[in-house]
Amino acid sequence: MRFGLVALALLALGAVTCQFAPGTSPTSTAPIPADVQGTLTYQRDGNIYVLPLATKAERKLTDFPRSSPAVFSARSPDGSRLAYVRTEGMGSVLYLANADGSDPRKWLDVSAEGATIEWPRWTPGGDALIYTYHGFLMEGTRILGELFRVERLAPDAGATPTVLIEEAEAPTAAPT
């Protein structure tokens, strides 16, 4: 089995926690080179944070319970939207929100399938998201195998995922 299955099981049981080395804090940052600019978006302790590199003033955007953490996030190329994945039940849900985390709405829910959405990335034009769909081949309660595929989803209301590539994961997209 792949690491994802083990991680999902541990997360569901609440067995995964983050520890920091003595004398450090989660807001400690290393020196950032002058040519690195913009805003970092990342997850810590199941929540989404942003760090504008010009000010280094970290902000926590979400306040999720440990039972339903954010595990992936992706800021749109123009910085106006935030897509993120939360663990819910035995699967995950993809959300779309404003850049500051406000107005979150479910975009795609695969939790009832026991599947997860992983590695979301915006297309270069910001018109869609590509991600890994990670499902399981089941016989009763027995896992027979795993299913990975790259899918695309537009943020339009009522849009359905389009399978781009079977047996693939962790997509990225470039304009050329």
C-alpha atoms as a PDB file:
ATOM      1  CA  MET A   1       0.000   0.000   0.000  1.00  0.00           C
ATOM      2  CA  ARG A   2       1.112   3.531  -0.612  1.00  0.00           C
ATOM      3  CA  PHE A   3       1.953   6.060   2.092  1.00  0.00           C
ATOM      4  CA  GLY A   4      -1.301   7.954   1.421  1.00  0.00           C
ATOM      5  CA  LEU A   5      -3.444   5.095   2.706  1.00  0.00           C
ATOM      6  CA  VAL A   6      -1.422   4.799   5.910  1.00  0.00           C
ATOM      7  CA  ALA A   7      -1.437   8.576   6.444  1.00  0.00           C
ATOM      8  CA  LEU A   8      -5.201   8.761   5.909  1.00  0.00           C
ATOM      9  CA  ALA A   9      -5.781   5.953   8.413  1.00  0.00           C
ATOM     10  CA  LEU A  10      -3.526   7.581  11.017  1.00  0.00           C
ATOM     11  CA  LEU A  11      -5.157  10.955  10.452  1.00  0.00           C
ATOM     12  CA  ALA A  12      -8.602   9.450  10.857  1.00  0.00           C
ATOM     13  CA  LEU A  13      -7.506   7.871  14.152  1.00  0.00           C
ATOM     14  CA  GLY A  14      -5.992  11.128  15.366  1.00  0.00           C
ATOM     15  CA  ALA A  15      -2.545   9.567  15.663  1.00  0.00           C
ATOM     16  CA  VAL A  16      -0.645  12.164  13.653  1.00  0.00           C
ATOM     17  CA  THR A  17       0.642  15.274  15.404  1.00  0.00           C
ATOM     18  CA  CYS A  18       3.298  17.857  14.595  1.00  0.00           C
ATOM     19  CA  GLN A  19       6.238  18.401  16.915  1.00  0.00           C
ATOM     20  CA  PHE A  20       8.744  21.242  16.755  1.00  0.00           C
ATOM     21  CA  ALA A  21      12.339  21.081  17.899  1.00  0.00           C
ATOM     22  CA  PRO A  22      13.071  22.615  21.309  1.00  0.00           C
ATOM     23  CA  GLY A  23      13.648  26.352  21.072  1.00  0.00           C
ATOM     24  CA  THR A  24      11.781  26.752  17.772  1.00  0.00           C
ATOM     25  CA  SER A  25       8.282  27.876  17.049  1.00  0.00           C
ATOM     26  CA  PRO A  26       5.987  27.260  14.106  1.00  0.00           C
ATOM     27  CA  THR A  27       6.298  30.920  13.113  1.00  0.00           C
ATOM     28  CA  SER A  28      10.100  30.880  12.879  1.00  0.00           C
ATOM     29  CA  THR A  29      11.248  31.635   9.355  1.00  0.00           C
ATOM     30  CA  ALA A  30      14.632  31.297   7.743  1.00  0.00           C
ATOM     31  CA  PRO A  31      16.152  34.273   5.932  1.00  0.00           C
ATOM     32  CA  ILE A  32      14.355  34.758   2.619  1.00  0.00           C
ATOM     33  CA  PRO A  33      16.457  35.776  -0.411  1.00  0.00           C
ATOM     34  CA  ALA A  34      15.661  39.286  -1.689  1.00  0.00           C
ATOM     35  CA  ASP A  35      14.600  37.997  -5.127  1.00  0.00           C
ATOM     36  CA  VAL A  36      11.876  35.772  -3.631  1.00  0.00           C
ATOM     37  CA  GLN A  37       8.646  37.764  -3.577  1.00  0.00           C
ATOM     38  CA  GLY A  38       4.912  37.251  -3.225  1.00  0.00           C
ATOM     39  CA  THR A  39       2.829  35.407  -0.677  1.00  0.00           C
ATOM     40  CA  LEU A  40       3.347  31.873   0.605  1.00  0.00           C
ATOM     41  CA  THR A  41       0.274  29.804   1.379  1.00  0.00           C
ATOM     42  CA  TYR A  42       0.743  26.666   3.491  1.00  0.00           C
ATOM     43  CA  GLN A  43      -0.798  24.330   6.053  1.00  0.00           C
ATOM     44  CA  ARG A  44       0.218  23.883   9.670  1.00  0.00           C
ATOM     45  CA  ASP A  45      -1.626  22.012  12.405  1.00  0.00           C
ATOM     46  CA  GLY A  46      -4.519  21.374  10.007  1.00  0.00           C
ATOM     47  CA  ASN A  47      -5.073  25.039   9.143  1.00  0.00           C
ATOM     48  CA  ILE A  48      -4.137  27.353   6.283  1.00  0.00           C
ATOM     49  CA  TYR A  49      -1.734  30.232   6.752  1.00  0.00           C
ATOM     50  CA  VAL A  50      -0.359  32.962   4.503  1.00  0.00           C
ATOM     51  CA  LEU A  51       2.971  34.729   4.772  1.00  0.00           C
ATOM     52  CA  PRO A  52       3.438  37.871   2.664  1.00  0.00           C
ATOM     53  CA  LEU A  53       7.182  37.774   2.054  1.00  0.00           C
ATOM     54  CA  ALA A  54       7.536  41.571   2.026  1.00  0.00           C
ATOM     55  CA  THR A  55       6.263  41.921   5.606  1.00  0.00           C
ATOM     56  CA  LYS A  56       6.751  38.403   7.002  1.00  0.00           C
ATOM     57  CA  ALA A  57       3.488  38.969   8.892  1.00  0.00           C
ATOM     58  CA  GLU A  58       1.969  35.488   9.049  1.00  0.00           C
ATOM     59  CA  ARG A  59      -1.820  35.243   9.152  1.00  0.00           C
ATOM     60  CA  LYS A  60      -3.939  32.219  10.006  1.00  0.00           C
ATOM     61  CA  LEU A  61      -6.831  32.033   7.523  1.00  0.00           C
ATOM     62  CA  THR A  62      -8.784  29.090   8.932  1.00  0.00           C
ATOM     63  CA  ASP A  63      -9.692  27.544  12.259  1.00  0.00           C
ATOM     64  CA  PHE A  64     -10.489  23.914  11.527  1.00  0.00           C
ATOM     65  CA  PRO A  65     -10.842  21.185  14.153  1.00  0.00           C
ATOM     66  CA  ARG A  66      -8.135  18.507  14.220  1.00  0.00           C
ATOM     67  CA  SER A  67     -10.775  15.985  13.137  1.00  0.00           C
ATOM     68  CA  SER A  68     -11.181  17.766   9.767  1.00  0.00           C
ATOM     69  CA  PRO A  69      -7.837  19.376   8.871  1.00  0.00           C
ATOM     70  CA  ALA A  70      -6.742  21.150   5.716  1.00  0.00           C
ATOM     71  CA  VAL A  71      -4.172  18.908   4.025  1.00  0.00           C
ATOM     72  CA  PHE A  72      -3.535  20.738   0.717  1.00  0.00           C
ATOM     73  CA  SER A  73      -4.031  24.297  -0.514  1.00  0.00           C
ATOM     74  CA  ALA A  74      -3.434  26.228  -3.732  1.00  0.00           C
ATOM     75  CA  ARG A  75      -3.708  29.976  -4.339  1.00  0.00           C
ATOM     76  CA  SER A  76      -4.940  30.992  -7.821  1.00  0.00           C
ATOM     77  CA  PRO A  77      -2.362  32.620 -10.136  1.00  0.00           C
ATOM     78  CA  ASP A  78      -3.966  36.059  -9.716  1.00  0.00           C
ATOM     79  CA  GLY A  79      -4.103  35.587  -5.935  1.00  0.00           C
ATOM     80  CA  SER A  80      -7.865  36.111  -5.703  1.00  0.00           C
ATOM     81  CA  ARG A  81      -8.991  32.562  -4.854  1.00  0.00           C
ATOM     82  CA  LEU A  82      -7.912  29.783  -2.553  1.00  0.00           C
ATOM     83  CA  ALA A  83      -8.622  26.117  -3.173  1.00  0.00           C
ATOM     84  CA  TYR A  84      -8.024  23.686  -0.335  1.00  0.00           C
ATOM     85  CA  VAL A  85      -8.651  20.086   0.594  1.00  0.00           C
ATOM     86  CA  ARG A  86      -9.940  18.991   3.998  1.00  0.00           C
ATOM     87  CA  THR A  87     -10.129  15.507   5.412  1.00  0.00           C
ATOM     88  CA  GLU A  88     -13.739  14.619   6.135  1.00  0.00           C
ATOM     89  CA  GLY A  89     -14.881  11.187   7.254  1.00  0.00           C
ATOM     90  CA  MET A  90     -12.849   8.563   5.399  1.00  0.00           C
ATOM     91  CA  GLY A  91     -12.137  10.806   2.417  1.00  0.00           C
ATOM     92  CA  SER A  92     -11.752  14.432   1.506  1.00  0.00           C
ATOM     93  CA  VAL A  93     -13.549  17.506   0.205  1.00  0.00           C
ATOM     94  CA  LEU A  94     -12.234  20.245  -2.094  1.00  0.00           C
ATOM     95  CA  TYR A  95     -13.253  23.785  -1.139  1.00  0.00           C
ATOM     96  CA  LEU A  96     -13.037  27.104  -2.966  1.00  0.00           C
ATOM     97  CA  ALA A  97     -12.775  30.360  -0.991  1.00  0.00           C
ATOM     98  CA  ASN A  98     -11.734  33.961  -1.390  1.00  0.00           C
ATOM     99  CA  ALA A  99      -8.007  34.649  -0.978  1.00  0.00           C
ATOM    100  CA  ASP A 100      -8.490  35.595   2.679  1.00  0.00           C
ATOM    101  CA  GLY A 101     -10.317  32.316   3.424  1.00  0.00           C
ATOM    102  CA  SER A 102     -13.765  33.936   3.533  1.00  0.00           C
ATOM    103  CA  ASP A 103     -16.848  32.575   1.782  1.00  0.00           C
ATOM    104  CA  PRO A 104     -15.722  28.914   1.628  1.00  0.00           C
ATOM    105  CA  ARG A 105     -17.896  26.608  -0.455  1.00  0.00           C
ATOM    106  CA  LYS A 106     -17.716  22.913  -1.197  1.00  0.00           C
ATOM    107  CA  TRP A 107     -16.453  22.433  -4.709  1.00  0.00           C
ATOM    108  CA  LEU A 108     -16.082  18.647  -4.887  1.00  0.00           C
ATOM    109  CA  ASP A 109     -16.896  16.050  -2.229  1.00  0.00           C
ATOM    110  CA  VAL A 110     -15.450  12.535  -2.638  1.00  0.00           C
ATOM    111  CA  SER A 111     -15.603  11.636   1.073  1.00  0.00           C
ATOM    112  CA  ALA A 112     -18.546   9.233   0.626  1.00  0.00           C
ATOM    113  CA  GLU A 113     -16.428   7.286  -1.883  1.00  0.00           C
ATOM    114  CA  GLY A 114     -13.617   6.897   0.657  1.00  0.00           C
ATOM    115  CA  ALA A 115     -11.415   8.709  -1.871  1.00  0.00           C
ATOM    116  CA  THR A 116      -9.076  11.642  -1.459  1.00  0.00           C
ATOM    117  CA  ILE A 117      -8.204  14.688  -3.515  1.00  0.00           C
ATOM    118  CA  GLU A 118      -4.476  15.393  -3.467  1.00  0.00           C
ATOM    119  CA  TRP A 119      -1.983  17.922  -4.876  1.00  0.00           C
ATOM    120  CA  PRO A 120      -4.400  20.567  -6.206  1.00  0.00           C
ATOM    121  CA  ARG A 121      -2.784  23.057  -8.595  1.00  0.00           C
ATOM    122  CA  TRP A 122      -4.353  25.882 -10.581  1.00  0.00           C
ATOM    123  CA  THR A 123      -3.916  25.915 -14.323  1.00  0.00           C
ATOM    124  CA  PRO A 124      -1.675  28.800 -15.495  1.00  0.00           C
ATOM    125  CA  GLY A 125      -4.668  30.931 -16.548  1.00  0.00           C
ATOM    126  CA  GLY A 126      -6.512  30.238 -13.273  1.00  0.00           C
ATOM    127  CA  ASP A 127      -9.560  28.895 -15.114  1.00  0.00           C
ATOM    128  CA  ALA A 128      -9.459  25.419 -13.531  1.00  0.00           C
ATOM    129  CA  LEU A 129      -7.793  23.225 -10.958  1.00  0.00           C
ATOM    130  CA  ILE A 130      -5.944  19.988 -11.688  1.00  0.00           C
ATOM    131  CA  TYR A 131      -5.408  17.441  -8.924  1.00  0.00           C
ATOM    132  CA  THR A 132      -4.905  13.776  -8.112  1.00  0.00           C
ATOM    133  CA  TYR A 133      -7.985  11.671  -7.433  1.00  0.00           C
ATOM    134  CA  HIS A 134      -6.894   8.817  -5.137  1.00  0.00           C
ATOM    135  CA  GLY A 135      -9.455   6.073  -4.830  1.00  0.00           C
ATOM    136  CA  PHE A 136      -9.474   2.490  -3.648  1.00  0.00           C
ATOM    137  CA  LEU A 137     -10.599  -0.697  -5.351  1.00  0.00           C
ATOM    138  CA  MET A 138     -12.724  -2.479  -2.758  1.00  0.00           C
ATOM    139  CA  GLU A 139     -14.335  -5.854  -2.294  1.00  0.00           C
ATOM    140  CA  GLY A 140     -16.583  -5.527   0.725  1.00  0.00           C
ATOM    141  CA  THR A 141     -14.305  -4.047   3.376  1.00  0.00           C
ATOM    142  CA  ARG A 142     -11.124  -5.394   1.788  1.00  0.00           C
ATOM    143  CA  ILE A 143      -8.842  -3.073  -0.191  1.00  0.00           C
ATOM    144  CA  LEU A 144      -7.754  -4.786  -3.411  1.00  0.00           C
ATOM    145  CA  GLY A 145      -5.765  -1.897  -4.841  1.00  0.00           C
ATOM    146  CA  GLU A 146      -5.539   1.801  -5.434  1.00  0.00           C
ATOM    147  CA  LEU A 147      -6.641   4.068  -8.239  1.00  0.00           C
ATOM    148  CA  PHE A 148      -4.813   7.253  -9.169  1.00  0.00           C
ATOM    149  CA  ARG A 149      -5.803   9.679 -11.888  1.00  0.00           C
ATOM    150  CA  VAL A 150      -5.319  13.336 -12.748  1.00  0.00           C
ATOM    151  CA  GLU A 151      -8.552  15.279 -13.035  1.00  0.00           C
ATOM    152  CA  ARG A 152      -9.488  18.841 -13.998  1.00  0.00           C
ATOM    153  CA  LEU A 153     -12.307  20.863 -12.460  1.00  0.00           C
ATOM    154  CA  ALA A 154     -13.488  24.354 -13.441  1.00  0.00           C
ATOM    155  CA  PRO A 155     -14.827  26.614 -10.661  1.00  0.00           C
ATOM    156  CA  ASP A 156     -18.168  27.049 -12.450  1.00  0.00           C
ATOM    157  CA  ALA A 157     -21.248  26.029 -10.501  1.00  0.00           C
ATOM    158  CA  GLY A 158     -22.304  22.534 -11.469  1.00  0.00           C
ATOM    159  CA  ALA A 159     -19.015  21.659 -13.185  1.00  0.00           C
ATOM    160  CA  THR A 160     -18.019  18.017 -13.117  1.00  0.00           C
ATOM    161  CA  PRO A 161     -14.462  16.655 -13.050  1.00  0.00           C
ATOM    162  CA  THR A 162     -12.796  15.634 -16.306  1.00  0.00           C
ATOM    163  CA  VAL A 163     -10.277  12.792 -16.217  1.00  0.00           C
ATOM    164  CA  LEU A 164      -7.074  13.941 -17.935  1.00  0.00           C
ATOM    165  CA  ILE A 165      -4.690  11.033 -17.277  1.00  0.00           C
ATOM    166  CA  GLU A 166      -5.245   7.583 -15.753  1.00  0.00           C
ATOM    167  CA  GLU A 167      -2.641   6.047 -13.412  1.00  0.00           C
ATOM    168  CA  ALA A 168      -0.924   9.372 -12.724  1.00  0.00           C
ATOM    169  CA  GLU A 169      -0.577  11.698  -9.737  1.00  0.00           C
ATOM    170  CA  ALA A 170       0.840  15.033  -8.467  1.00  0.00           C
ATOM    171  CA  PRO A 171       0.158  17.088 -11.618  1.00  0.00           C
ATOM    172  CA  THR A 172       1.548  20.500 -12.464  1.00  0.00           C
ATOM    173  CA  ALA A 173       0.713  22.673 -15.458  1.00  0.00           C
ATOM    174  CA  ALA A 174       2.787  25.196 -17.391  1.00  0.00           C
ATOM    175  CA  PRO A 175       1.655  27.669 -20.052  1.00  0.00           C
ATOM    176  CA  THR A 176       3.828  26.026 -22.736  1.00  0.00           C
END
